[in-house]
Amino acid sequence: MAKGAETEGERKVIATNRRAFHDYHVLEKYEAGIKLQGAEVKSLRAGHCIISDAHAVVDRKKSLVWLMNLQIPEWNRGNQIEAHEPKRKRPLLLHKSEIGKLRTKLMEQGLTLIPLSVYFKNGFAKVELGVCKGKKLYDKRQTLKEKQAKREIARRVKR
């Protein structure tokens, strides 16, 4: 879902996961750094990233958080030595206290860790993670009705 890079203050947004807000209730948000290889950074700076299928997993043994299925395409101008696997698992940089909080929250049934956006902040690649709970079908219908009602009100006010 990368449509170029938009700037929000000091943040240069690369990709947002709009599908996550449709499928999940976002309960909390965390900001984490991403450990990347050189060619991956170049590809991200060019605005190439697919975040729609990604999720994060907390490793209980090593107390690490891994970002799975975030697709960063290979940098086409790089040499073959710097080539990376587009869908490799990437470690996230969080404080131990934050990892402990995430571990306890994710033990609850039905909660998962979804990346909401990938961006650059002060030159560093960051990901915004959301502790999410899946929506039911009737919840999705309700949010669509609310959005349509807001649009209708906005149209009537403009007239």
N, C-alpha and C. Protein backbone atom coordinates (compact mmCIF):
# COMPACT_ATOMS: atom_id res chain seq x y z
N MET A 1 0.80 -1.18 0.00
CA MET A 1 0.00 0.00 0.00
C MET A 1 0.86 1.26 0.00
N ALA A 2 2.03 1.15 -0.57
CA ALA A 2 2.90 2.33 -0.58
C ALA A 2 2.54 3.20 -1.77
N LYS A 3 2.11 4.41 -1.49
CA LYS A 3 1.77 5.37 -2.53
C LYS A 3 2.73 6.54 -2.43
N GLY A 4 4.01 6.26 -2.55
CA GLY A 4 5.00 7.32 -2.39
C GLY A 4 5.17 7.65 -0.92
N ALA A 5 5.99 8.60 -0.64
CA ALA A 5 6.26 8.96 0.74
C ALA A 5 5.59 10.29 1.08
N GLU A 6 4.82 10.28 2.15
CA GLU A 6 4.17 11.51 2.63
C GLU A 6 4.89 11.95 3.88
N THR A 7 4.97 13.24 4.11
CA THR A 7 5.65 13.71 5.31
C THR A 7 4.62 14.17 6.33
N GLU A 8 4.81 13.76 7.57
CA GLU A 8 3.97 14.20 8.68
C GLU A 8 4.91 14.77 9.74
N GLY A 9 5.17 16.06 9.69
CA GLY A 9 6.10 16.66 10.64
C GLY A 9 7.49 16.13 10.38
N GLU A 10 8.07 15.44 11.36
CA GLU A 10 9.40 14.88 11.19
C GLU A 10 9.35 13.46 10.64
N ARG A 11 8.16 12.90 10.46
CA ARG A 11 7.99 11.54 9.97
C ARG A 11 7.80 11.54 8.46
N LYS A 12 8.52 10.66 7.79
CA LYS A 12 8.34 10.46 6.35
C LYS A 12 7.71 9.07 6.19
N VAL A 13 6.40 9.05 5.98
CA VAL A 13 5.65 7.79 5.94
C VAL A 13 5.92 7.08 4.62
N ILE A 14 6.29 5.81 4.72
CA ILE A 14 6.56 4.99 3.53
C ILE A 14 5.33 4.17 3.16
N ALA A 15 4.72 3.50 4.14
CA ALA A 15 3.55 2.65 3.88
C ALA A 15 2.65 2.63 5.11
N THR A 16 1.34 2.58 4.86
CA THR A 16 0.38 2.43 5.95
C THR A 16 -0.48 1.21 5.68
N ASN A 17 -0.91 0.58 6.75
CA ASN A 17 -1.73 -0.62 6.66
C ASN A 17 -3.19 -0.23 6.93
N ARG A 18 -3.85 0.26 5.89
CA ARG A 18 -5.24 0.69 6.06
C ARG A 18 -6.17 -0.48 6.33
N ARG A 19 -5.80 -1.64 5.86
CA ARG A 19 -6.61 -2.84 6.06
C ARG A 19 -6.68 -3.22 7.55
N ALA A 20 -5.63 -2.90 8.29
CA ALA A 20 -5.60 -3.23 9.72
C ALA A 20 -6.70 -2.51 10.47
N PHE A 21 -6.97 -1.25 10.11
CA PHE A 21 -8.02 -0.49 10.80
C PHE A 21 -9.40 -1.00 10.43
N HIS A 22 -9.51 -1.67 9.29
CA HIS A 22 -10.79 -2.25 8.88
C HIS A 22 -11.04 -3.60 9.56
N ASP A 23 -9.99 -4.39 9.74
CA ASP A 23 -10.14 -5.74 10.26
C ASP A 23 -9.95 -5.86 11.77
N TYR A 24 -9.35 -4.84 12.41
CA TYR A 24 -9.01 -4.96 13.83
C TYR A 24 -9.40 -3.71 14.60
N HIS A 25 -9.65 -3.90 15.91
CA HIS A 25 -9.75 -2.78 16.85
C HIS A 25 -8.33 -2.57 17.38
N VAL A 26 -7.79 -1.37 17.21
CA VAL A 26 -6.44 -1.08 17.70
C VAL A 26 -6.56 -0.61 19.14
N LEU A 27 -6.00 -1.39 20.07
CA LEU A 27 -6.10 -1.09 21.49
C LEU A 27 -4.96 -0.19 21.97
N GLU A 28 -3.74 -0.48 21.54
CA GLU A 28 -2.57 0.31 21.92
C GLU A 28 -1.61 0.40 20.76
N LYS A 29 -0.76 1.43 20.77
CA LYS A 29 0.24 1.61 19.72
C LYS A 29 1.63 1.71 20.34
N TYR A 30 2.59 1.11 19.67
CA TYR A 30 3.99 1.16 20.07
C TYR A 30 4.84 1.56 18.87
N GLU A 31 5.95 2.23 19.13
CA GLU A 31 6.89 2.59 18.08
C GLU A 31 8.16 1.77 18.28
N ALA A 32 8.62 1.12 17.21
CA ALA A 32 9.81 0.28 17.29
C ALA A 32 10.71 0.56 16.10
N GLY A 33 12.00 0.41 16.32
CA GLY A 33 12.95 0.51 15.22
C GLY A 33 13.04 -0.82 14.50
N ILE A 34 13.48 -0.79 13.24
CA ILE A 34 13.64 -2.01 12.46
C ILE A 34 15.11 -2.18 12.15
N LYS A 35 15.63 -3.38 12.36
CA LYS A 35 17.01 -3.67 12.02
C LYS A 35 17.04 -4.12 10.56
N LEU A 36 17.66 -3.31 9.70
CA LEU A 36 17.66 -3.55 8.26
C LEU A 36 19.08 -3.71 7.72
N GLN A 37 19.17 -4.30 6.53
CA GLN A 37 20.43 -4.36 5.81
C GLN A 37 20.52 -3.13 4.90
N GLY A 38 21.69 -2.86 4.35
CA GLY A 38 21.93 -1.65 3.57
C GLY A 38 21.01 -1.48 2.38
N ALA A 39 20.85 -2.55 1.59
CA ALA A 39 20.02 -2.46 0.40
C ALA A 39 18.54 -2.29 0.76
N GLU A 40 18.13 -2.81 1.90
CA GLU A 40 16.75 -2.66 2.33
C GLU A 40 16.44 -1.20 2.65
N VAL A 41 17.38 -0.50 3.23
CA VAL A 41 17.18 0.91 3.55
C VAL A 41 17.02 1.72 2.26
N LYS A 42 17.83 1.40 1.26
CA LYS A 42 17.73 2.10 -0.02
C LYS A 42 16.36 1.87 -0.66
N SER A 43 15.90 0.65 -0.60
CA SER A 43 14.60 0.32 -1.18
C SER A 43 13.47 1.03 -0.43
N LEU A 44 13.57 1.09 0.90
CA LEU A 44 12.56 1.81 1.68
C LEU A 44 12.57 3.30 1.38
N ARG A 45 13.75 3.88 1.26
CA ARG A 45 13.84 5.31 0.95
C ARG A 45 13.21 5.63 -0.41
N ALA A 46 13.23 4.65 -1.30
CA ALA A 46 12.60 4.83 -2.61
C ALA A 46 11.08 4.66 -2.53
N GLY A 47 10.57 4.23 -1.37
CA GLY A 47 9.13 4.10 -1.17
C GLY A 47 8.57 2.74 -1.50
N HIS A 48 9.42 1.72 -1.56
CA HIS A 48 8.97 0.38 -1.91
C HIS A 48 8.80 -0.47 -0.65
N CYS A 49 7.55 -0.80 -0.33
CA CYS A 49 7.27 -1.62 0.84
C CYS A 49 5.82 -2.11 0.77
N ILE A 50 5.60 -3.37 1.08
CA ILE A 50 4.25 -3.94 1.14
C ILE A 50 4.03 -4.44 2.56
N ILE A 51 3.09 -3.80 3.26
CA ILE A 51 2.89 -4.04 4.69
C ILE A 51 1.60 -4.80 4.97
N SER A 52 0.78 -5.05 3.96
CA SER A 52 -0.57 -5.56 4.18
C SER A 52 -0.60 -6.96 4.82
N ASP A 53 0.37 -7.82 4.54
CA ASP A 53 0.35 -9.19 5.07
C ASP A 53 1.21 -9.35 6.32
N ALA A 54 1.80 -8.29 6.80
CA ALA A 54 2.79 -8.39 7.87
C ALA A 54 2.14 -8.53 9.25
N HIS A 55 2.89 -9.14 10.15
CA HIS A 55 2.50 -9.25 11.56
C HIS A 55 3.78 -9.39 12.38
N ALA A 56 3.66 -9.21 13.68
CA ALA A 56 4.82 -9.31 14.56
C ALA A 56 4.61 -10.43 15.57
N VAL A 57 5.72 -11.04 15.98
CA VAL A 57 5.69 -12.17 16.90
C VAL A 57 6.71 -11.91 18.01
N VAL A 58 6.32 -12.20 19.25
CA VAL A 58 7.23 -12.08 20.39
C VAL A 58 7.86 -13.44 20.64
N ASP A 59 9.21 -13.48 20.59
CA ASP A 59 9.96 -14.70 20.87
C ASP A 59 10.15 -14.79 22.38
N ARG A 60 9.60 -15.82 22.99
CA ARG A 60 9.61 -15.92 24.46
C ARG A 60 10.98 -16.32 25.00
N LYS A 61 11.73 -17.11 24.26
CA LYS A 61 13.02 -17.59 24.76
C LYS A 61 14.07 -16.47 24.79
N LYS A 62 14.16 -15.71 23.71
CA LYS A 62 15.21 -14.69 23.61
C LYS A 62 14.72 -13.29 23.95
N SER A 63 13.46 -13.14 24.25
CA SER A 63 12.81 -11.85 24.51
C SER A 63 13.09 -10.86 23.38
N LEU A 64 12.76 -11.28 22.16
CA LEU A 64 12.88 -10.44 20.98
C LEU A 64 11.51 -10.35 20.31
N VAL A 65 11.33 -9.31 19.50
CA VAL A 65 10.12 -9.17 18.69
C VAL A 65 10.55 -9.22 17.23
N TRP A 66 9.91 -10.09 16.47
CA TRP A 66 10.23 -10.28 15.06
C TRP A 66 9.09 -9.76 14.19
N LEU A 67 9.43 -9.08 13.12
CA LEU A 67 8.46 -8.62 12.13
C LEU A 67 8.47 -9.61 10.97
N MET A 68 7.33 -10.25 10.75
CA MET A 68 7.21 -11.31 9.75
C MET A 68 6.43 -10.80 8.53
N ASN A 69 6.82 -11.26 7.35
CA ASN A 69 6.13 -11.03 6.09
C ASN A 69 6.06 -9.57 5.65
N LEU A 70 6.91 -8.71 6.17
CA LEU A 70 7.01 -7.35 5.63
C LEU A 70 7.85 -7.46 4.37
N GLN A 71 7.28 -7.13 3.23
CA GLN A 71 7.96 -7.32 1.97
C GLN A 71 8.64 -6.03 1.55
N ILE A 72 9.96 -6.06 1.51
CA ILE A 72 10.77 -4.96 0.99
C ILE A 72 11.48 -5.50 -0.24
N PRO A 73 11.07 -5.07 -1.43
CA PRO A 73 11.66 -5.62 -2.66
C PRO A 73 13.16 -5.34 -2.74
N GLU A 74 13.86 -6.19 -3.50
CA GLU A 74 15.30 -6.02 -3.66
C GLU A 74 15.59 -4.69 -4.36
N TRP A 75 16.69 -4.09 -3.97
CA TRP A 75 17.15 -2.85 -4.60
C TRP A 75 17.73 -3.22 -5.94
N ASN A 76 17.10 -2.76 -7.02
CA ASN A 76 17.47 -3.22 -8.36
C ASN A 76 18.80 -2.68 -8.85
N ARG A 77 19.32 -1.63 -8.26
CA ARG A 77 20.59 -1.06 -8.71
C ARG A 77 21.77 -1.57 -7.89
N GLY A 78 21.51 -2.41 -6.91
CA GLY A 78 22.58 -2.93 -6.07
C GLY A 78 23.25 -4.12 -6.71
N ASN A 79 24.43 -4.48 -6.19
CA ASN A 79 25.09 -5.66 -6.71
C ASN A 79 24.51 -6.91 -6.06
N GLN A 80 24.90 -8.05 -6.56
CA GLN A 80 24.32 -9.30 -6.08
C GLN A 80 24.76 -9.66 -4.67
N ILE A 81 25.88 -9.10 -4.21
CA ILE A 81 26.36 -9.39 -2.86
C ILE A 81 25.42 -8.78 -1.83
N GLU A 82 24.86 -7.61 -2.11
CA GLU A 82 23.99 -6.93 -1.17
C GLU A 82 22.54 -7.39 -1.25
N ALA A 83 22.24 -8.32 -2.16
CA ALA A 83 20.85 -8.75 -2.33
C ALA A 83 20.33 -9.39 -1.04
N HIS A 84 19.07 -9.13 -0.74
CA HIS A 84 18.45 -9.66 0.47
C HIS A 84 17.17 -10.39 0.09
N GLU A 85 16.68 -11.18 1.01
CA GLU A 85 15.42 -11.88 0.80
C GLU A 85 14.28 -10.92 1.09
N PRO A 86 13.33 -10.72 0.18
CA PRO A 86 12.29 -9.70 0.36
C PRO A 86 11.37 -9.93 1.56
N LYS A 87 11.08 -11.18 1.91
CA LYS A 87 10.14 -11.45 3.00
C LYS A 87 10.81 -12.09 4.22
N ARG A 88 12.05 -11.75 4.48
CA ARG A 88 12.73 -12.35 5.63
C ARG A 88 12.17 -11.78 6.92
N LYS A 89 12.37 -12.49 8.02
CA LYS A 89 11.92 -11.95 9.30
C LYS A 89 12.97 -10.96 9.80
N ARG A 90 12.48 -9.83 10.31
CA ARG A 90 13.36 -8.75 10.74
C ARG A 90 13.17 -8.48 12.22
N PRO A 91 14.28 -8.34 12.95
CA PRO A 91 14.14 -8.04 14.38
C PRO A 91 13.73 -6.60 14.61
N LEU A 92 12.89 -6.38 15.61
CA LEU A 92 12.46 -5.05 15.99
C LEU A 92 13.21 -4.61 17.24
N LEU A 93 13.48 -3.32 17.32
CA LEU A 93 14.25 -2.77 18.42
C LEU A 93 13.31 -2.12 19.42
N LEU A 94 13.14 -2.77 20.57
CA LEU A 94 12.28 -2.29 21.65
C LEU A 94 13.01 -2.44 22.98
N HIS A 95 12.61 -1.67 23.98
CA HIS A 95 13.16 -1.83 25.32
C HIS A 95 12.62 -3.12 25.94
N LYS A 96 13.38 -3.68 26.87
CA LYS A 96 12.95 -4.93 27.51
C LYS A 96 11.64 -4.78 28.24
N SER A 97 11.41 -3.60 28.84
CA SER A 97 10.15 -3.39 29.55
C SER A 97 8.97 -3.40 28.58
N GLU A 98 9.17 -2.81 27.40
CA GLU A 98 8.10 -2.82 26.39
C GLU A 98 7.83 -4.23 25.88
N ILE A 99 8.89 -5.01 25.70
CA ILE A 99 8.72 -6.39 25.25
C ILE A 99 7.96 -7.20 26.30
N GLY A 100 8.26 -6.95 27.58
CA GLY A 100 7.55 -7.64 28.66
C GLY A 100 6.07 -7.29 28.67
N LYS A 101 5.75 -6.00 28.47
CA LYS A 101 4.34 -5.58 28.41
C LYS A 101 3.63 -6.23 27.24
N LEU A 102 4.31 -6.26 26.09
CA LEU A 102 3.71 -6.87 24.90
C LEU A 102 3.47 -8.36 25.13
N ARG A 103 4.44 -9.03 25.75
CA ARG A 103 4.31 -10.47 25.98
C ARG A 103 3.09 -10.77 26.85
N THR A 104 2.90 -9.98 27.92
CA THR A 104 1.75 -10.24 28.80
C THR A 104 0.43 -9.91 28.10
N LYS A 105 0.40 -8.87 27.28
CA LYS A 105 -0.84 -8.52 26.58
C LYS A 105 -1.21 -9.54 25.53
N LEU A 106 -0.19 -10.08 24.85
CA LEU A 106 -0.47 -11.03 23.77
C LEU A 106 -0.86 -12.41 24.30
N MET A 107 -0.68 -12.65 25.60
CA MET A 107 -1.13 -13.92 26.18
C MET A 107 -2.65 -13.98 26.26
N GLU A 108 -3.30 -12.81 26.26
CA GLU A 108 -4.76 -12.79 26.24
C GLU A 108 -5.24 -13.37 24.92
N GLN A 109 -6.34 -14.05 24.97
CA GLN A 109 -6.85 -14.70 23.79
C GLN A 109 -7.44 -13.67 22.82
N GLY A 110 -7.10 -13.80 21.56
CA GLY A 110 -7.67 -12.94 20.53
C GLY A 110 -6.87 -11.68 20.24
N LEU A 111 -5.76 -11.43 20.92
CA LEU A 111 -4.95 -10.25 20.66
C LEU A 111 -3.77 -10.61 19.78
N THR A 112 -3.41 -9.70 18.88
CA THR A 112 -2.29 -9.91 17.98
C THR A 112 -1.55 -8.60 17.78
N LEU A 113 -0.36 -8.68 17.23
CA LEU A 113 0.51 -7.53 17.03
C LEU A 113 0.62 -7.27 15.54
N ILE A 114 0.06 -6.13 15.08
CA ILE A 114 -0.01 -5.81 13.66
C ILE A 114 0.76 -4.52 13.40
N PRO A 115 1.61 -4.47 12.36
CA PRO A 115 2.25 -3.20 12.00
C PRO A 115 1.25 -2.28 11.31
N LEU A 116 1.15 -1.04 11.77
CA LEU A 116 0.20 -0.08 11.22
C LEU A 116 0.83 0.82 10.17
N SER A 117 2.10 1.18 10.34
CA SER A 117 2.78 2.00 9.35
C SER A 117 4.29 1.82 9.46
N VAL A 118 4.97 2.08 8.35
CA VAL A 118 6.43 2.08 8.28
C VAL A 118 6.83 3.48 7.85
N TYR A 119 7.80 4.06 8.56
CA TYR A 119 8.19 5.44 8.27
C TYR A 119 9.62 5.68 8.71
N PHE A 120 10.17 6.81 8.26
CA PHE A 120 11.48 7.27 8.71
C PHE A 120 11.26 8.41 9.69
N LYS A 121 11.94 8.34 10.82
CA LYS A 121 11.86 9.39 11.82
C LYS A 121 13.29 9.78 12.17
N ASN A 122 13.65 11.01 11.88
CA ASN A 122 15.00 11.51 12.11
C ASN A 122 16.06 10.62 11.47
N GLY A 123 15.76 10.08 10.29
CA GLY A 123 16.71 9.26 9.55
C GLY A 123 16.71 7.79 9.90
N PHE A 124 15.93 7.36 10.88
CA PHE A 124 15.88 5.96 11.28
C PHE A 124 14.57 5.32 10.82
N ALA A 125 14.66 4.07 10.36
CA ALA A 125 13.46 3.34 9.94
C ALA A 125 12.71 2.87 11.17
N LYS A 126 11.43 3.19 11.23
CA LYS A 126 10.57 2.84 12.37
C LYS A 126 9.31 2.15 11.86
N VAL A 127 8.70 1.39 12.76
CA VAL A 127 7.41 0.78 12.47
C VAL A 127 6.49 1.07 13.65
N GLU A 128 5.24 1.39 13.35
CA GLU A 128 4.25 1.60 14.39
C GLU A 128 3.45 0.31 14.53
N LEU A 129 3.55 -0.30 15.71
CA LEU A 129 2.86 -1.56 15.99
C LEU A 129 1.59 -1.29 16.77
N GLY A 130 0.56 -2.05 16.48
CA GLY A 130 -0.69 -1.95 17.21
C GLY A 130 -1.05 -3.27 17.85
N VAL A 131 -1.40 -3.23 19.14
CA VAL A 131 -1.97 -4.40 19.80
C VAL A 131 -3.44 -4.41 19.41
N CYS A 132 -3.84 -5.42 18.66
CA CYS A 132 -5.15 -5.40 18.02
C CYS A 132 -5.98 -6.61 18.41
N LYS A 133 -7.29 -6.39 18.35
CA LYS A 133 -8.25 -7.46 18.55
C LYS A 133 -9.11 -7.52 17.30
N GLY A 134 -9.32 -8.70 16.76
CA GLY A 134 -10.06 -8.87 15.52
C GLY A 134 -11.50 -8.43 15.63
N LYS A 135 -12.01 -7.80 14.57
CA LYS A 135 -13.41 -7.39 14.53
C LYS A 135 -14.27 -8.53 14.01
N LYS A 136 -15.49 -8.55 14.48
CA LYS A 136 -16.48 -9.48 13.95
C LYS A 136 -17.10 -8.85 12.71
N LEU A 137 -17.86 -9.63 11.95
CA LEU A 137 -18.46 -9.13 10.73
C LEU A 137 -19.43 -7.99 11.01
N TYR A 138 -20.20 -8.10 12.09
CA TYR A 138 -21.16 -7.04 12.39
C TYR A 138 -20.46 -5.75 12.84
N ASP A 139 -19.26 -5.86 13.43
CA ASP A 139 -18.48 -4.67 13.78
C ASP A 139 -18.03 -3.95 12.52
N LYS A 140 -17.60 -4.72 11.51
CA LYS A 140 -17.16 -4.12 10.25
C LYS A 140 -18.32 -3.39 9.58
N ARG A 141 -19.50 -4.00 9.60
CA ARG A 141 -20.67 -3.37 9.00
C ARG A 141 -21.01 -2.07 9.73
N GLN A 142 -20.91 -2.10 11.05
CA GLN A 142 -21.22 -0.91 11.85
C GLN A 142 -20.27 0.23 11.53
N THR A 143 -18.97 -0.05 11.39
CA THR A 143 -18.02 1.02 11.07
C THR A 143 -18.26 1.57 9.68
N LEU A 144 -18.65 0.71 8.73
CA LEU A 144 -18.98 1.21 7.39
C LEU A 144 -20.19 2.13 7.43
N LYS A 145 -21.21 1.78 8.22
CA LYS A 145 -22.38 2.63 8.35
C LYS A 145 -22.02 3.98 8.96
N GLU A 146 -21.15 3.98 9.97
CA GLU A 146 -20.73 5.23 10.60
C GLU A 146 -19.96 6.11 9.61
N LYS A 147 -19.08 5.51 8.81
CA LYS A 147 -18.33 6.29 7.82
C LYS A 147 -19.27 6.90 6.78
N GLN A 148 -20.25 6.11 6.32
CA GLN A 148 -21.19 6.63 5.34
C GLN A 148 -22.03 7.76 5.93
N ALA A 149 -22.42 7.65 7.18
CA ALA A 149 -23.20 8.71 7.83
C ALA A 149 -22.37 9.99 7.95
N LYS A 150 -21.11 9.86 8.30
CA LYS A 150 -20.23 11.04 8.39
C LYS A 150 -20.06 11.72 7.04
N ARG A 151 -19.91 10.92 5.99
CA ARG A 151 -19.79 11.48 4.64
C ARG A 151 -21.05 12.23 4.24
N GLU A 152 -22.20 11.63 4.56
CA GLU A 152 -23.48 12.26 4.21
C GLU A 152 -23.65 13.58 4.94
N ILE A 153 -23.30 13.63 6.21
CA ILE A 153 -23.37 14.87 6.99
C ILE A 153 -22.43 15.92 6.42
N ALA A 154 -21.23 15.51 6.04
CA ALA A 154 -20.27 16.45 5.47
C ALA A 154 -20.76 17.01 4.14
N ARG A 155 -21.42 16.19 3.33
CA ARG A 155 -21.97 16.67 2.05
C ARG A 155 -23.08 17.66 2.27
N ARG A 156 -23.94 17.41 3.25
CA ARG A 156 -25.06 18.32 3.52
C ARG A 156 -24.58 19.66 4.08
N VAL A 157 -23.51 19.62 4.85
CA VAL A 157 -22.96 20.87 5.41
C VAL A 157 -22.35 21.74 4.31
N LYS A 158 -21.73 21.12 3.31
CA LYS A 158 -21.11 21.87 2.22
C LYS A 158 -22.15 22.58 1.35
N ARG A 159 -23.34 22.03 1.25
CA ARG A 159 -24.38 22.62 0.41
C ARG A 159 -24.95 23.79 1.07
